[in-house]
Amino acid sequence: MASEWILTGNGRLHAEIYGDCTNPAIVMLHGFTGSTATWRTLAEELQDRYYVVLFDLWGHGRSSVPPDLAAYAMEQQTADLEQAVTALGLERFLLIGYSMGGRVAIGFSAAYPERISGLLLESASPGLREELEQVQRRRNDSRLAERLRREPLERFIDYWQGIPLFSTQRLMAAAVQDAVRQERLHQKPEGLANSLEGIGTGSQPSYWDTLPELRFPVLLVTGTLDVKFTKLAEKMEQLLPNAGRKGVEDAGHAVHVEKPEEFATIVKSFAAQHTL
């Protein structure tokens, strides 16, 4: 594994790189409160056959914490990712995104479809359709951001890992739960707060009307216990012209953490068909 920092106008984006650059490329984007660490085990499994690049999104992991919320907006964040993949010499690649990283992956794929050989979305949403929904979500995200700015990070993480979306993670082995918690505790509060306000679900554009234009292969992965995102995946599949859907039994929102072997098998199968 090697680390690279790519300088953009908004700061330094951190990337972890696995494998030989002559192999087909896979790029992975983590979720909110996550980092490159969430993908390391999978990247190590893939590195013999693929060139795997993991990014820390703005405000997360070892990437910069831009003070301007505009840096976190979808258009800017995807433009900075485009600059980063260009700097790393990537042309076309399989893009994988989880949750928040899945939303960014959709935004990137819509802006730079020529880059994408395949798109795998884990528990991802194209955004909110209605303006009222967006306004309400922005208000909620702003409240969460204020909590991050005034409370100890540990208290916020206690709250965050206790929300219903992550209830199934309480069934994981204690060591796995602790690793996820430590990853969250190593974040920067201001980075998380800025991310919530800059690229939260209420702040990003809605891509529902854009889905029919994404003609490359797409695989939608959700846990069967995550009812909300399974329903979203069903609706997305109907709009995407070249999509498949995979439900992983007895898994919730974070399939790659809760069922890592099953998720790795899904990724390997998809990558074998849709990498160059």
Protein backbone atom coordinates (compact mmCIF):
# COMPACT_ATOMS: atom_id res chain seq x y z
CA MET A 1 0.00 0.00 0.00
CA ALA A 2 1.16 3.53 -0.81
CA SER A 3 -0.28 6.89 0.15
CA GLU A 4 -0.57 9.88 -2.18
CA TRP A 5 -1.81 13.41 -1.58
CA ILE A 6 -3.15 15.26 -4.61
CA LEU A 7 -3.11 19.06 -4.35
CA THR A 8 -6.23 20.83 -5.61
CA GLY A 9 -7.50 24.36 -5.19
CA ASN A 10 -9.34 23.26 -2.03
CA GLY A 11 -6.55 21.37 -0.30
CA ARG A 12 -4.95 17.94 -0.39
CA LEU A 13 -6.97 14.84 -1.22
CA HIS A 14 -5.54 11.69 0.33
CA ALA A 15 -5.48 8.42 -1.60
CA GLU A 16 -4.34 4.94 -0.65
CA ILE A 17 -3.14 2.84 -3.57
CA TYR A 18 -2.89 -0.94 -3.88
CA GLY A 19 -1.60 -3.12 -6.69
CA ASP A 20 0.09 -2.56 -10.03
CA CYS A 21 -0.85 0.48 -12.11
CA THR A 22 -0.84 -1.66 -15.26
CA ASN A 23 -3.85 -3.62 -13.98
CA PRO A 24 -7.50 -2.59 -14.46
CA ALA A 25 -8.44 0.18 -12.03
CA ILE A 26 -11.01 0.29 -9.24
CA VAL A 27 -11.77 3.47 -7.27
CA MET A 28 -13.64 3.33 -3.93
CA LEU A 29 -15.42 6.09 -1.99
CA HIS A 30 -16.38 5.70 1.70
CA GLY A 31 -19.44 6.84 3.62
CA PHE A 32 -20.02 9.63 6.16
CA THR A 33 -17.72 9.31 9.22
CA GLY A 34 -15.66 6.81 7.23
CA SER A 35 -12.30 6.82 5.51
CA THR A 36 -10.03 4.70 3.34
CA ALA A 37 -9.77 2.34 6.32
CA THR A 38 -13.23 0.93 5.62
CA TRP A 39 -12.00 -0.59 2.33
CA ARG A 40 -8.52 -1.83 3.25
CA THR A 41 -9.31 -5.52 3.70
CA LEU A 42 -11.17 -5.60 0.40
CA ALA A 43 -8.41 -3.65 -1.37
CA GLU A 44 -5.83 -6.17 -0.15
CA GLU A 45 -7.94 -8.98 -1.62
CA LEU A 46 -8.19 -7.21 -4.97
CA GLN A 47 -4.64 -5.89 -5.36
CA ASP A 48 -3.21 -8.93 -7.14
CA ARG A 49 -5.54 -8.40 -10.11
CA TYR A 50 -6.49 -4.73 -9.91
CA TYR A 51 -5.06 -1.27 -9.34
CA VAL A 52 -7.15 -0.12 -6.38
CA VAL A 53 -7.41 3.53 -5.34
CA LEU A 54 -9.18 4.54 -2.12
CA PHE A 55 -9.97 8.21 -1.51
CA ASP A 56 -10.68 10.13 1.68
CA LEU A 57 -13.39 12.62 0.73
CA TRP A 58 -13.12 16.22 1.90
CA GLY A 59 -13.28 16.56 5.67
CA HIS A 60 -12.65 12.85 6.25
CA GLY A 61 -9.66 10.68 7.02
CA ARG A 62 -6.34 12.23 6.03
CA SER A 63 -7.72 14.64 3.44
CA SER A 64 -7.91 18.37 4.10
CA VAL A 65 -10.77 20.12 5.90
CA PRO A 66 -11.56 23.04 3.59
CA PRO A 67 -13.07 25.96 5.55
CA ASP A 68 -15.36 26.96 2.66
CA LEU A 69 -18.53 24.86 2.44
CA ALA A 70 -18.50 25.35 -1.34
CA ALA A 71 -15.57 22.90 -1.52
CA TYR A 72 -17.85 20.11 -0.28
CA ALA A 73 -20.63 20.75 -2.80
CA MET A 74 -21.21 17.94 -5.28
CA GLU A 75 -20.02 19.85 -8.35
CA GLN A 76 -16.78 20.93 -6.67
CA GLN A 77 -16.07 17.66 -4.89
CA THR A 78 -16.50 15.66 -8.09
CA ALA A 79 -14.34 18.17 -10.00
CA ASP A 80 -11.60 17.71 -7.40
CA LEU A 81 -11.90 13.93 -7.70
CA GLU A 82 -11.59 14.28 -11.46
CA GLN A 83 -8.40 16.27 -10.96
CA ALA A 84 -7.11 13.59 -8.58
CA VAL A 85 -7.78 10.60 -10.82
CA THR A 86 -6.15 12.46 -13.70
CA ALA A 87 -3.09 13.17 -11.55
CA LEU A 88 -2.88 9.46 -10.73
CA GLY A 89 -2.98 8.54 -14.40
CA LEU A 90 -6.39 6.85 -14.34
CA GLU A 91 -8.44 6.91 -17.54
CA ARG A 92 -11.39 4.53 -17.10
CA PHE A 93 -12.19 2.59 -13.96
CA LEU A 94 -14.79 0.71 -11.98
CA LEU A 95 -16.21 3.10 -9.39
CA ILE A 96 -17.55 1.83 -6.05
CA GLY A 97 -19.34 4.07 -3.55
CA TYR A 98 -20.95 3.38 -0.20
CA SER A 99 -23.74 5.58 1.23
CA MET A 100 -22.41 9.18 1.07
CA GLY A 101 -19.63 7.90 -1.18
CA GLY A 102 -22.32 6.31 -3.34
CA ARG A 103 -24.00 9.68 -3.76
CA VAL A 104 -20.65 11.18 -4.76
CA ALA A 105 -20.10 8.27 -7.14
CA ILE A 106 -23.42 8.99 -8.85
CA GLY A 107 -22.51 12.68 -9.12
CA PHE A 108 -19.08 11.85 -10.52
CA SER A 109 -20.48 9.34 -13.01
CA ALA A 110 -23.07 11.85 -14.22
CA ALA A 111 -20.40 14.52 -14.73
CA TYR A 112 -17.68 12.27 -16.19
CA PRO A 113 -19.40 9.22 -17.73
CA GLU A 114 -16.45 8.62 -20.07
CA ARG A 115 -14.40 7.64 -17.02
CA ILE A 116 -16.72 4.86 -15.89
CA SER A 117 -16.41 1.23 -17.00
CA GLY A 118 -18.87 0.16 -14.31
CA LEU A 119 -20.55 1.60 -11.23
CA LEU A 120 -21.24 -0.36 -8.04
CA LEU A 121 -23.42 1.45 -5.52
CA GLU A 122 -23.76 0.12 -1.99
CA SER A 123 -26.71 1.52 -0.03
CA ALA A 124 -26.77 4.71 -2.07
CA SER A 125 -29.35 7.34 -2.98
CA PRO A 126 -29.57 9.72 -5.97
CA GLY A 127 -30.80 12.45 -3.60
CA LEU A 128 -34.22 13.82 -2.74
CA ARG A 129 -36.79 14.57 -5.42
CA GLU A 130 -38.89 17.24 -3.71
CA GLU A 131 -37.74 20.71 -2.64
CA LEU A 132 -39.61 20.48 0.68
CA GLU A 133 -37.79 17.22 1.47
CA GLN A 134 -34.49 18.90 0.64
CA VAL A 135 -35.21 21.89 2.88
CA GLN A 136 -36.19 19.67 5.81
CA ARG A 137 -33.11 17.52 5.36
CA ARG A 138 -30.82 20.57 5.20
CA ARG A 139 -32.29 21.80 8.48
CA ASN A 140 -31.70 18.44 10.10
CA ASP A 141 -28.14 18.25 8.78
CA SER A 142 -27.43 21.77 10.05
CA ARG A 143 -28.59 20.73 13.52
CA LEU A 144 -26.28 17.72 13.41
CA ALA A 145 -23.42 19.94 12.24
CA GLU A 146 -23.95 22.25 15.19
CA ARG A 147 -23.80 19.26 17.54
CA LEU A 148 -20.46 18.33 16.03
CA ARG A 149 -19.15 21.84 16.59
CA ARG A 150 -20.23 22.17 20.22
CA GLU A 151 -20.08 18.61 21.62
CA PRO A 152 -17.16 16.20 22.09
CA LEU A 153 -16.78 13.99 19.03
CA GLU A 154 -17.26 10.86 21.13
CA ARG A 155 -20.72 12.02 22.17
CA PHE A 156 -21.73 12.60 18.55
CA ILE A 157 -20.39 9.19 17.52
CA ASP A 158 -22.36 7.58 20.35
CA TYR A 159 -25.48 9.20 18.91
CA TRP A 160 -24.61 8.41 15.26
CA GLN A 161 -23.91 4.72 15.72
CA GLY A 162 -27.13 4.44 17.71
CA ILE A 163 -29.45 5.60 14.92
CA PRO A 164 -31.81 2.94 13.48
CA LEU A 165 -29.90 2.83 10.16
CA PHE A 166 -27.00 1.11 11.93
CA SER A 167 -28.96 -1.09 14.33
CA THR A 168 -27.88 -4.30 12.58
CA GLN A 169 -24.23 -3.50 13.28
CA ARG A 170 -24.83 -4.34 16.93
CA LEU A 171 -24.93 -7.97 15.81
CA MET A 172 -21.36 -7.85 14.51
CA ALA A 173 -18.42 -9.24 16.47
CA ALA A 174 -17.18 -6.91 19.20
CA ALA A 175 -13.82 -6.45 17.48
CA VAL A 176 -15.51 -5.37 14.24
CA GLN A 177 -17.78 -2.95 16.08
CA ASP A 178 -14.77 -1.47 17.83
CA ALA A 179 -12.87 -1.04 14.54
CA VAL A 180 -15.81 0.86 13.03
CA ARG A 181 -16.07 3.04 16.12
CA GLN A 182 -12.35 3.82 16.10
CA GLU A 183 -12.54 4.81 12.44
CA ARG A 184 -15.33 7.25 13.30
CA LEU A 185 -13.49 8.62 16.34
CA HIS A 186 -10.44 9.42 14.21
CA GLN A 187 -12.41 11.96 12.17
CA LYS A 188 -12.19 15.73 12.52
CA PRO A 189 -15.40 17.28 13.93
CA GLU A 190 -15.23 20.35 11.71
CA GLY A 191 -14.68 18.17 8.65
CA LEU A 192 -17.76 16.10 9.44
CA ALA A 193 -19.82 19.21 10.15
CA ASN A 194 -18.76 20.85 6.90
CA SER A 195 -19.46 17.65 4.99
CA LEU A 196 -22.98 17.44 6.40
CA GLU A 197 -23.77 20.98 5.35
CA GLY A 198 -21.89 20.94 2.05
CA ILE A 199 -22.81 17.58 0.56
CA GLY A 200 -25.59 16.20 2.75
CA THR A 201 -28.54 14.55 1.02
CA GLY A 202 -30.53 17.79 1.27
CA SER A 203 -27.75 19.91 -0.23
CA GLN A 204 -26.76 17.79 -3.21
CA PRO A 205 -28.60 17.90 -6.55
CA SER A 206 -31.25 15.28 -7.22
CA TYR A 207 -30.04 12.76 -9.82
CA TRP A 208 -33.31 10.89 -10.25
CA ASP A 209 -33.91 12.44 -13.68
CA THR A 210 -30.29 11.77 -14.65
CA LEU A 211 -30.37 8.02 -13.97
CA PRO A 212 -31.78 7.11 -17.42
CA GLU A 213 -28.74 8.79 -19.00
CA LEU A 214 -26.22 6.55 -17.17
CA ARG A 215 -25.76 3.83 -19.79
CA PHE A 216 -22.73 2.01 -18.35
CA PRO A 217 -23.27 -1.12 -16.22
CA VAL A 218 -24.54 -0.39 -12.70
CA LEU A 219 -24.93 -2.82 -9.81
CA LEU A 220 -27.06 -1.79 -6.83
CA VAL A 221 -26.14 -3.61 -3.61
CA THR A 222 -28.15 -3.41 -0.40
CA GLY A 223 -28.70 -5.48 2.71
CA THR A 224 -32.13 -7.08 2.91
CA LEU A 225 -32.53 -5.72 6.46
CA ASP A 226 -32.07 -2.16 5.19
CA VAL A 227 -35.64 -1.69 3.98
CA LYS A 228 -35.32 2.00 3.08
CA PHE A 229 -32.32 1.61 0.79
CA THR A 230 -33.59 -1.63 -0.69
CA LYS A 231 -36.71 0.22 -1.82
CA LEU A 232 -34.57 3.03 -3.20
CA ALA A 233 -32.49 0.49 -5.14
CA GLU A 234 -35.66 -1.03 -6.61
CA LYS A 235 -36.76 2.38 -7.87
CA MET A 236 -33.31 3.20 -9.21
CA GLU A 237 -33.12 -0.12 -11.07
CA GLN A 238 -36.30 0.75 -12.96
CA LEU A 239 -34.77 4.01 -14.23
CA LEU A 240 -31.23 2.88 -15.02
CA PRO A 241 -30.91 1.42 -18.55
CA ASN A 242 -28.17 -1.11 -17.71
CA ALA A 243 -28.58 -2.06 -14.05
CA GLY A 244 -28.77 -5.10 -11.84
CA ARG A 245 -29.58 -5.39 -8.18
CA LYS A 246 -28.23 -7.65 -5.44
CA GLY A 247 -29.73 -8.05 -1.98
CA VAL A 248 -27.45 -9.52 0.69
CA GLU A 249 -29.33 -11.58 3.26
CA ASP A 250 -29.13 -10.69 6.96
CA ALA A 251 -27.21 -7.47 6.28
CA GLY A 252 -28.13 -3.86 6.96
CA HIS A 253 -26.80 -0.58 5.60
CA ALA A 254 -23.05 -1.33 5.63
CA VAL A 255 -22.94 -4.59 3.70
CA HIS A 256 -19.16 -4.45 3.21
CA VAL A 257 -18.68 -4.37 6.99
CA GLU A 258 -21.49 -6.69 8.08
CA LYS A 259 -21.00 -9.33 5.37
CA PRO A 260 -17.48 -8.72 4.04
CA GLU A 261 -17.01 -12.09 2.33
CA GLU A 262 -20.30 -11.83 0.45
CA PHE A 263 -19.56 -8.26 -0.54
CA ALA A 264 -16.08 -9.17 -1.77
CA THR A 265 -17.54 -11.94 -3.92
CA ILE A 266 -20.02 -9.49 -5.46
CA VAL A 267 -17.28 -6.96 -6.20
CA LYS A 268 -14.98 -9.57 -7.76
CA SER A 269 -17.74 -10.88 -10.00
CA PHE A 270 -18.77 -7.41 -11.17
CA ALA A 271 -15.17 -6.29 -11.63
CA ALA A 272 -14.34 -9.35 -13.74
CA GLN A 273 -17.05 -8.30 -16.19
CA HIS A 274 -16.68 -4.51 -16.17
CA THR A 275 -13.04 -3.50 -15.80
CA LEU A 276 -10.77 -2.79 -18.76
